[in-house]
């Protein structure tokens, strides 16, 4: 099932115009000058998040994390925050938790 989700995520990236190339680094997915480098066992959710963030940039929209999350989830993937966003939430003093 994960292989199918990985293929869907890579196809999503290709549809928005990214070149997707395999690399040897396990678990890695990164965007380098318009090329999405994807290693073995890379998370489909990370691939989709990178692709959706790039799509919003291409469309000329400000890619806020909320907008990226909404687009990623619309495609059926789970949003994965960028390192910068994750680090910012750690240092901002703001804590988030689910409330039922």
Protein backbone atom coordinates (compact mmCIF):
# COMPACT_ATOMS: atom_id res chain seq x y z
CA UNK A 1 0.00 0.00 0.00
CA UNK A 2 2.84 2.40 0.84
CA UNK A 3 4.38 1.80 -2.60
CA UNK A 4 1.09 2.82 -4.22
CA UNK A 5 0.86 5.97 -2.08
CA UNK A 6 4.49 6.73 -2.96
CA UNK A 7 3.71 6.43 -6.66
CA UNK A 8 0.68 8.71 -6.24
CA UNK A 9 2.78 11.30 -4.42
CA UNK A 10 5.52 11.19 -7.07
CA UNK A 11 2.90 11.52 -9.83
CA UNK A 12 1.42 14.53 -8.03
CA UNK A 13 4.87 16.13 -8.01
CA UNK A 14 5.31 15.42 -11.72
CA UNK A 15 1.88 16.87 -12.53
CA UNK A 16 2.89 20.22 -11.07
CA UNK A 17 6.06 20.24 -13.14
CA UNK A 18 8.72 18.92 -10.79
CA UNK A 19 11.35 16.54 -12.08
CA UNK A 20 11.48 13.54 -9.75
CA UNK A 21 14.74 11.65 -9.56
CA UNK A 22 15.74 8.72 -7.35
CA UNK A 23 18.68 9.11 -5.00
CA UNK A 24 20.40 6.61 -2.74
CA UNK A 25 19.79 8.34 0.60
CA UNK A 26 17.15 6.31 2.40
CA UNK A 27 14.07 8.19 3.59
CA UNK A 28 15.07 11.49 1.97
CA UNK A 29 12.76 13.74 -0.03
CA UNK A 30 14.04 17.21 -0.86
CA UNK A 31 13.54 19.89 -3.46
CA UNK A 32 16.74 21.14 -5.06
CA UNK A 33 16.43 23.77 -7.82
CA UNK A 34 13.14 22.43 -9.12
CA UNK A 35 14.16 18.79 -8.86
CA UNK A 36 12.52 16.56 -6.28
CA UNK A 37 15.10 14.08 -5.05
CA UNK A 38 13.46 11.00 -3.55
CA UNK A 39 15.29 8.23 -1.72
CA UNK A 40 14.13 4.72 -0.90
CA UNK A 41 11.50 4.65 1.86
CA UNK A 42 10.78 8.39 1.54
CA UNK A 43 7.44 9.29 3.09
CA UNK A 44 4.66 9.78 0.52
CA UNK A 45 3.23 12.44 2.84
CA UNK A 46 6.49 14.40 2.75
CA UNK A 47 6.63 14.12 -1.05
CA UNK A 48 3.04 15.36 -1.34
CA UNK A 49 3.66 18.20 1.11
CA UNK A 50 6.71 19.37 -0.85
CA UNK A 51 4.75 19.16 -4.12
CA UNK A 52 1.75 21.08 -2.75
CA UNK A 53 3.96 23.79 -1.25
CA UNK A 54 5.63 24.19 -4.65
CA UNK A 55 2.25 24.29 -6.43
CA UNK A 56 1.13 27.19 -4.26
CA UNK A 57 4.38 29.03 -5.03
CA UNK A 58 3.91 28.42 -8.76
CA UNK A 59 0.37 29.77 -8.53
CA UNK A 60 1.78 32.94 -6.97
CA UNK A 61 0.04 32.35 -3.68
CA UNK A 62 1.68 32.90 -0.33
CA UNK A 63 2.34 29.35 0.81
CA UNK A 64 1.30 29.62 4.44
CA UNK A 65 1.51 26.38 6.35
CA UNK A 66 -2.30 26.44 6.72
CA UNK A 67 -2.74 26.68 2.93
CA UNK A 68 -0.21 23.91 2.35
CA UNK A 69 -1.96 21.69 4.92
CA UNK A 70 -5.34 22.26 3.27
CA UNK A 71 -4.06 21.37 -0.20
CA UNK A 72 -2.15 18.30 1.00
CA UNK A 73 -5.19 16.97 2.83
CA UNK A 74 -7.39 17.66 -0.22
CA UNK A 75 -5.20 15.20 -2.13
CA UNK A 76 -5.63 12.59 0.61
CA UNK A 77 -2.19 12.84 2.20
CA UNK A 78 -1.13 13.87 5.69
CA UNK A 79 0.56 17.25 6.02
CA UNK A 80 4.16 17.23 7.21
CA UNK A 81 5.47 20.65 8.31
CA UNK A 82 8.74 21.94 6.91
CA UNK A 83 11.75 21.89 9.21
CA UNK A 84 11.54 25.66 9.52
CA UNK A 85 7.88 25.53 10.54
CA UNK A 86 8.53 22.71 12.99
CA UNK A 87 11.48 24.56 14.54
CA UNK A 88 9.47 27.78 14.73
CA UNK A 89 6.64 26.07 16.60
CA UNK A 90 9.18 24.68 19.09
CA UNK A 91 10.71 28.09 19.78
CA UNK A 92 7.59 30.23 19.55
CA UNK A 93 6.31 29.25 22.95
CA UNK A 94 2.98 28.30 21.41
CA UNK A 95 1.79 24.79 22.09
CA UNK A 96 -0.88 22.96 20.13
CA UNK A 97 -2.92 20.03 21.28
CA UNK A 98 -6.04 18.31 20.09
CA UNK A 99 -9.22 19.01 21.98
CA UNK A 100 -12.20 16.77 21.61
